[in-house]
Amino acid sequence: MPDPGTAAFVAHRNLLFTVAYEMLGSAADAEDVLQETWLKWAGVDLDTVRDQRAYLVRITTRQALIRIRTLGRRKESYVGSWLPEPLLTAPDVAEDVELAESVSMAMLLVLETLGPTERAVFLLREVFALEYDEIAEAVEKSPATVRQIAHRARAHVAARRPRGVVSPAETRGALEAFQRAVHTGDLQSLLDILAPEVVLMADGGGVKQALRQPIVGADKVARLLAAGSNLVNAEMSAVQVNGSPALLVRLNGETDGIMAMRIDDGLVTGLYFVRNPEKLSHLEHETTVSR
């Protein structure tokens, strides 16, 4: 039977992974943060801990804030567009609407526009429902300062997050329409499903061929997909990625990438194609996220 410290860590592990992943957008780095959290936790006197969940989240947040600085330097020299590492998630994640939105590709990209402390405060308050004094200890600020940061972060995210809640059925419908249009190479069918301001981003990490800059506008994106990509010849299947339906793209029997989407008002406003092989390793098994 595990000791109480180990039992507490195991009980909250999925939550801690989710906190770290939403802070960093990288499953590999989130796993490293969990290792560092465990080492810190193993040295804690449990008799001094009032709330084990909050204490563990605090350690994880601090370790993630340290890690995010390293990631920032890595992103500065990254080749092309940087996209979050996709996670294969269970269908029941979509039932928790707030959790599913918070781990979606679209929301993770919105979170990238926040500073590290703002991101931590927003997530701990809005997604993981920690009290302000608990968040204050995690980010080493006063509760009053944390309230101000939370207010600014909420306004920042509200102006950029997807408009309204999109049901899994609506996303699947858009996904299927997109898949049919790409396979047929029919330009008009693509234009019918793409929003006028749609953005296409691709992440090859300098290893796989990918767009160096985002492509903006339905006409440009549709023409590229219809004539200038390998997707017409690819095998595409629906999978659950980051709490939402997405497409697993295979070429010549090998995994080539993940195409995730942002849907607003029934139209595709964001296409996120992750091809970097280093970011596809977590697609071999489901990752459990929780809050």
Protein backbone atom coordinates (compact mmCIF):
# COMPACT_ATOMS: atom_id res chain seq x y z
CA MET A 1 0.00 0.00 0.00
CA PRO A 2 1.51 3.39 -0.98
CA ASP A 3 2.44 5.92 1.70
CA PRO A 4 0.06 8.92 2.14
CA GLY A 5 2.29 11.30 0.14
CA THR A 6 2.48 8.95 -2.84
CA ALA A 7 -1.26 8.23 -2.64
CA ALA A 8 -2.08 11.97 -2.70
CA PHE A 9 0.21 12.59 -5.67
CA VAL A 10 -1.26 9.68 -7.64
CA ALA A 11 -4.82 10.79 -6.81
CA HIS A 12 -4.17 14.28 -8.21
CA ARG A 13 -1.76 13.36 -11.01
CA ASN A 14 -4.20 13.88 -13.90
CA LEU A 15 -5.16 17.30 -12.52
CA LEU A 16 -1.50 18.30 -12.11
CA PHE A 17 -0.68 17.16 -15.65
CA THR A 18 -3.59 19.24 -16.98
CA VAL A 19 -2.42 22.33 -15.08
CA ALA A 20 1.12 21.95 -16.43
CA TYR A 21 -0.03 21.18 -19.98
CA GLU A 22 -2.38 24.18 -20.12
CA MET A 23 0.43 26.38 -18.82
CA LEU A 24 2.95 25.10 -21.37
CA GLY A 25 1.11 23.65 -24.38
CA SER A 26 3.60 20.78 -24.35
CA ALA A 27 2.89 17.29 -23.02
CA ALA A 28 6.58 16.41 -22.84
CA ASP A 29 7.36 19.51 -20.76
CA ALA A 30 4.28 18.90 -18.61
CA GLU A 31 5.59 15.41 -17.79
CA ASP A 32 8.94 16.95 -16.79
CA VAL A 33 7.12 19.43 -14.53
CA LEU A 34 5.30 16.52 -12.87
CA GLN A 35 8.64 14.86 -12.14
CA GLU A 36 9.91 18.08 -10.54
CA THR A 37 6.64 18.43 -8.60
CA TRP A 38 7.01 14.91 -7.22
CA LEU A 39 10.57 15.60 -6.05
CA LYS A 40 9.40 18.75 -4.23
CA TRP A 41 6.34 17.00 -2.79
CA ALA A 42 8.40 14.04 -1.51
CA GLY A 43 10.25 16.42 0.82
CA VAL A 44 7.12 18.05 2.30
CA ASP A 45 5.97 17.33 5.86
CA LEU A 46 2.33 16.33 5.25
CA ASP A 47 1.34 17.34 8.79
CA THR A 48 1.88 20.97 7.74
CA VAL A 49 -0.35 20.68 4.65
CA ARG A 50 -3.95 21.82 5.11
CA ASP A 51 -5.18 21.19 1.54
CA GLN A 52 -3.15 18.63 -0.43
CA ARG A 53 -4.79 19.43 -3.79
CA ALA A 54 -4.10 23.16 -3.51
CA TYR A 55 -0.55 22.54 -2.25
CA LEU A 56 0.26 20.20 -5.17
CA VAL A 57 -1.25 22.63 -7.68
CA ARG A 58 0.89 25.38 -6.13
CA ILE A 59 4.10 23.36 -6.61
CA THR A 60 3.12 22.44 -10.17
CA THR A 61 2.32 26.04 -11.07
CA ARG A 62 5.65 27.31 -9.73
CA GLN A 63 7.57 24.62 -11.61
CA ALA A 64 5.62 25.41 -14.80
CA LEU A 65 6.42 29.12 -14.45
CA ILE A 66 10.12 28.23 -14.26
CA ARG A 67 9.79 25.91 -17.29
CA ILE A 68 7.87 28.49 -19.36
CA ARG A 69 10.94 30.75 -19.47
CA THR A 70 12.97 27.94 -21.08
CA LEU A 71 10.14 27.29 -23.52
CA GLY A 72 10.03 30.98 -24.40
CA ARG A 73 13.67 30.91 -25.46
CA ARG A 74 13.03 27.73 -27.46
CA LYS A 75 10.08 29.33 -29.29
CA GLU A 76 12.18 32.35 -30.25
CA SER A 77 14.40 30.10 -32.39
CA TYR A 78 11.59 27.80 -33.54
CA VAL A 79 11.35 27.31 -37.31
CA GLY A 80 7.96 28.47 -38.63
CA SER A 81 4.72 28.63 -36.64
CA TRP A 82 4.60 27.08 -33.17
CA LEU A 83 1.46 25.09 -32.28
CA PRO A 84 0.62 23.26 -29.03
CA GLU A 85 1.35 19.56 -28.81
CA PRO A 86 -1.90 17.66 -29.60
CA LEU A 87 -3.27 15.16 -27.07
CA LEU A 88 -5.49 12.19 -27.86
CA THR A 89 -8.32 12.56 -25.33
CA ALA A 90 -11.27 10.39 -24.31
CA PRO A 91 -14.75 11.28 -25.67
CA ASP A 92 -16.04 12.07 -22.16
CA VAL A 93 -13.73 15.12 -21.96
CA ALA A 94 -16.10 16.90 -24.35
CA GLU A 95 -18.90 16.49 -21.78
CA ASP A 96 -17.09 18.91 -19.44
CA VAL A 97 -17.55 21.96 -21.66
CA GLU A 98 -15.24 24.28 -19.71
CA LEU A 99 -12.43 21.72 -19.52
CA ALA A 100 -12.78 20.80 -23.20
CA GLU A 101 -12.61 24.46 -24.23
CA SER A 102 -9.62 25.14 -21.99
CA VAL A 103 -7.50 22.36 -23.58
CA SER A 104 -8.64 23.06 -27.16
CA MET A 105 -6.04 24.14 -29.69
CA ALA A 106 -7.87 27.42 -30.21
CA MET A 107 -7.88 28.28 -26.49
CA LEU A 108 -4.26 27.21 -25.96
CA LEU A 109 -3.28 29.65 -28.71
CA VAL A 110 -5.28 32.38 -26.97
CA LEU A 111 -3.48 31.56 -23.71
CA GLU A 112 -0.16 31.97 -25.54
CA THR A 113 -0.98 35.69 -25.84
CA LEU A 114 -0.99 36.08 -22.04
CA GLY A 115 2.11 36.63 -19.94
CA PRO A 116 3.17 33.66 -17.76
CA THR A 117 1.70 34.99 -14.50
CA GLU A 118 -1.53 36.11 -16.21
CA ARG A 119 -1.86 32.66 -17.77
CA ALA A 120 -1.37 30.92 -14.43
CA VAL A 121 -3.87 33.18 -12.65
CA PHE A 122 -6.48 32.80 -15.39
CA LEU A 123 -6.21 29.00 -15.47
CA LEU A 124 -6.14 28.49 -11.71
CA ARG A 125 -9.18 30.72 -11.23
CA GLU A 126 -11.33 30.13 -14.32
CA VAL A 127 -10.58 26.47 -15.08
CA PHE A 128 -9.45 24.92 -11.79
CA ALA A 129 -11.54 27.13 -9.46
CA LEU A 130 -8.86 27.90 -6.86
CA GLU A 131 -9.50 30.65 -4.33
CA TYR A 132 -7.61 33.93 -4.74
CA ASP A 133 -5.48 33.36 -1.63
CA GLU A 134 -4.42 29.93 -2.93
CA ILE A 135 -3.52 31.42 -6.32
CA ALA A 136 -1.62 34.21 -4.57
CA GLU A 137 0.60 31.63 -2.86
CA ALA A 138 1.15 29.80 -6.16
CA VAL A 139 2.29 32.88 -8.10
CA GLU A 140 3.83 34.65 -5.10
CA LYS A 141 1.67 37.79 -5.35
CA SER A 142 -0.78 39.39 -2.93
CA PRO A 143 -4.48 38.35 -3.19
CA ALA A 144 -5.37 41.92 -4.20
CA THR A 145 -2.83 41.86 -7.04
CA VAL A 146 -4.08 38.45 -8.12
CA ARG A 147 -7.65 39.78 -8.35
CA GLN A 148 -6.45 42.59 -10.63
CA ILE A 149 -4.46 40.17 -12.79
CA ALA A 150 -7.48 37.84 -13.02
CA HIS A 151 -9.72 40.73 -14.13
CA ARG A 152 -7.28 41.79 -16.89
CA ALA A 153 -6.71 38.21 -18.03
CA ARG A 154 -10.46 37.47 -18.23
CA ALA A 155 -11.02 40.56 -20.39
CA HIS A 156 -8.04 39.67 -22.60
CA VAL A 157 -9.24 36.09 -23.15
CA ALA A 158 -12.91 37.08 -23.60
CA ALA A 159 -11.94 39.31 -26.54
CA ARG A 160 -10.10 36.45 -28.29
CA ARG A 161 -11.76 33.17 -27.29
CA PRO A 162 -14.09 31.26 -29.68
CA ARG A 163 -17.53 32.86 -29.89
CA GLY A 164 -20.02 30.75 -27.93
CA VAL A 165 -19.96 27.05 -27.11
CA VAL A 166 -19.68 24.73 -30.11
CA SER A 167 -21.19 21.28 -29.58
CA PRO A 168 -19.19 18.17 -30.54
CA ALA A 169 -21.92 17.38 -33.10
CA GLU A 170 -21.47 20.79 -34.77
CA THR A 171 -17.70 20.34 -34.82
CA ARG A 172 -18.05 16.84 -36.28
CA GLY A 173 -20.37 18.20 -38.98
CA ALA A 174 -17.89 20.90 -39.96
CA LEU A 175 -15.07 18.35 -39.82
CA GLU A 176 -16.88 15.92 -42.14
CA ALA A 177 -17.75 18.70 -44.60
CA PHE A 178 -14.13 19.87 -44.57
CA GLN A 179 -12.86 16.31 -45.08
CA ARG A 180 -15.17 15.75 -48.08
CA ALA A 181 -14.18 19.06 -49.64
CA VAL A 182 -10.45 18.39 -49.26
CA HIS A 183 -10.71 14.86 -50.66
CA THR A 184 -12.61 16.01 -53.73
CA GLY A 185 -10.47 19.12 -54.13
CA ASP A 186 -13.66 21.06 -54.76
CA LEU A 187 -12.91 24.74 -54.31
CA GLN A 188 -16.51 25.86 -53.81
CA SER A 189 -17.16 23.20 -51.15
CA LEU A 190 -14.12 24.47 -49.25
CA LEU A 191 -15.27 28.07 -49.55
CA ASP A 192 -18.69 27.03 -48.21
CA ILE A 193 -17.22 25.67 -44.94
CA LEU A 194 -14.42 28.23 -44.41
CA ALA A 195 -15.13 31.56 -42.69
CA PRO A 196 -14.00 34.63 -44.70
CA GLU A 197 -11.29 35.40 -42.09
CA VAL A 198 -10.10 31.78 -41.63
CA VAL A 199 -6.48 31.31 -40.54
CA LEU A 200 -4.40 28.25 -41.51
CA MET A 201 -1.33 27.50 -39.39
CA ALA A 202 1.05 24.58 -39.81
CA ASP A 203 3.82 23.36 -37.51
CA GLY A 204 6.58 21.24 -39.02
CA GLY A 205 9.22 22.24 -36.48
CA GLY A 206 11.80 22.56 -39.24
CA VAL A 207 11.63 18.77 -39.67
CA LYS A 208 8.56 18.40 -41.90
CA GLN A 209 7.56 20.74 -44.71
CA ALA A 210 5.05 23.28 -43.44
CA LEU A 211 3.93 26.85 -43.96
CA ARG A 212 6.43 29.28 -42.43
CA GLN A 213 3.71 31.91 -41.89
CA PRO A 214 -0.04 31.67 -41.26
CA ILE A 215 -2.31 31.97 -44.34
CA VAL A 216 -5.31 34.25 -43.86
CA GLY A 217 -8.53 34.40 -45.89
CA ALA A 218 -10.93 31.79 -47.26
CA ASP A 219 -9.86 32.17 -50.90
CA LYS A 220 -6.14 31.74 -50.20
CA VAL A 221 -6.67 28.84 -47.78
CA ALA A 222 -9.15 27.04 -50.05
CA ARG A 223 -6.87 27.32 -53.10
CA LEU A 224 -3.89 26.04 -51.13
CA LEU A 225 -5.85 23.06 -49.77
CA ALA A 226 -7.45 22.26 -53.12
CA ALA A 227 -4.32 22.40 -55.25
CA GLY A 228 -1.17 22.88 -53.25
CA SER A 229 -1.19 20.27 -50.47
CA ASN A 230 -0.83 16.52 -50.01
CA LEU A 231 -4.15 16.34 -48.17
CA VAL A 232 -6.05 15.42 -51.36
CA ASN A 233 -4.14 12.11 -51.43
CA ALA A 234 -4.07 11.57 -47.66
CA GLU A 235 -6.08 9.14 -45.57
CA MET A 236 -7.97 11.12 -42.93
CA SER A 237 -9.86 9.74 -39.95
CA ALA A 238 -11.75 11.47 -37.15
CA VAL A 239 -10.14 11.36 -33.68
CA GLN A 240 -10.73 13.16 -30.39
CA VAL A 241 -7.89 15.63 -29.83
CA ASN A 242 -7.70 18.16 -27.00
CA GLY A 243 -11.35 17.60 -26.14
CA SER A 244 -12.66 18.17 -29.68
CA PRO A 245 -13.04 16.21 -32.92
CA ALA A 246 -10.01 16.51 -35.23
CA LEU A 247 -8.50 14.71 -38.21
CA LEU A 248 -5.63 12.24 -38.03
CA VAL A 249 -3.78 12.54 -41.35
CA ARG A 250 -1.88 9.53 -42.72
CA LEU A 251 0.29 9.40 -45.84
CA ASN A 252 1.55 6.08 -47.22
CA GLY A 253 0.33 4.33 -44.08
CA GLU A 254 2.34 6.59 -41.73
CA THR A 255 1.03 9.27 -39.36
CA ASP A 256 1.69 12.62 -41.02
CA GLY A 257 -0.07 14.99 -38.66
CA ILE A 258 -3.13 16.22 -36.82
CA MET A 259 -5.54 18.79 -38.23
CA ALA A 260 -7.45 20.54 -35.46
CA MET A 261 -10.06 23.25 -36.01
CA ARG A 262 -11.71 26.26 -34.49
CA ILE A 263 -15.40 26.60 -35.32
CA ASP A 264 -17.39 29.83 -34.95
CA ASP A 265 -21.05 30.08 -36.03
CA GLY A 266 -20.82 26.83 -37.99
CA LEU A 267 -17.81 27.88 -40.07
CA VAL A 268 -14.11 26.99 -39.77
CA THR A 269 -12.24 30.06 -38.52
CA GLY A 270 -8.99 28.28 -37.58
CA LEU A 271 -7.08 25.31 -39.05
CA TYR A 272 -4.11 24.02 -37.05
CA PHE A 273 -1.99 21.36 -38.76
CA VAL A 274 0.68 19.82 -36.52
CA ARG A 275 3.27 17.82 -38.50
CA ASN A 276 6.31 18.08 -36.22
CA PRO A 277 7.08 14.40 -35.37
CA GLU A 278 8.26 15.35 -31.86
CA LYS A 279 4.74 16.62 -31.12
CA LEU A 280 2.92 13.51 -32.34
CA SER A 281 4.26 10.94 -29.87
CA HIS A 282 1.34 11.33 -27.44
CA LEU A 283 -1.11 10.20 -30.11
CA GLU A 284 -0.27 6.56 -29.43
CA HIS A 285 -2.49 6.48 -26.33
CA GLU A 286 -5.21 8.53 -24.68
CA THR A 287 -4.13 11.21 -22.20
CA THR A 288 -6.44 11.80 -19.24
CA VAL A 289 -7.07 15.45 -18.46
CA SER A 290 -9.11 16.61 -15.46
CA ARG A 291 -9.82 19.53 -13.16
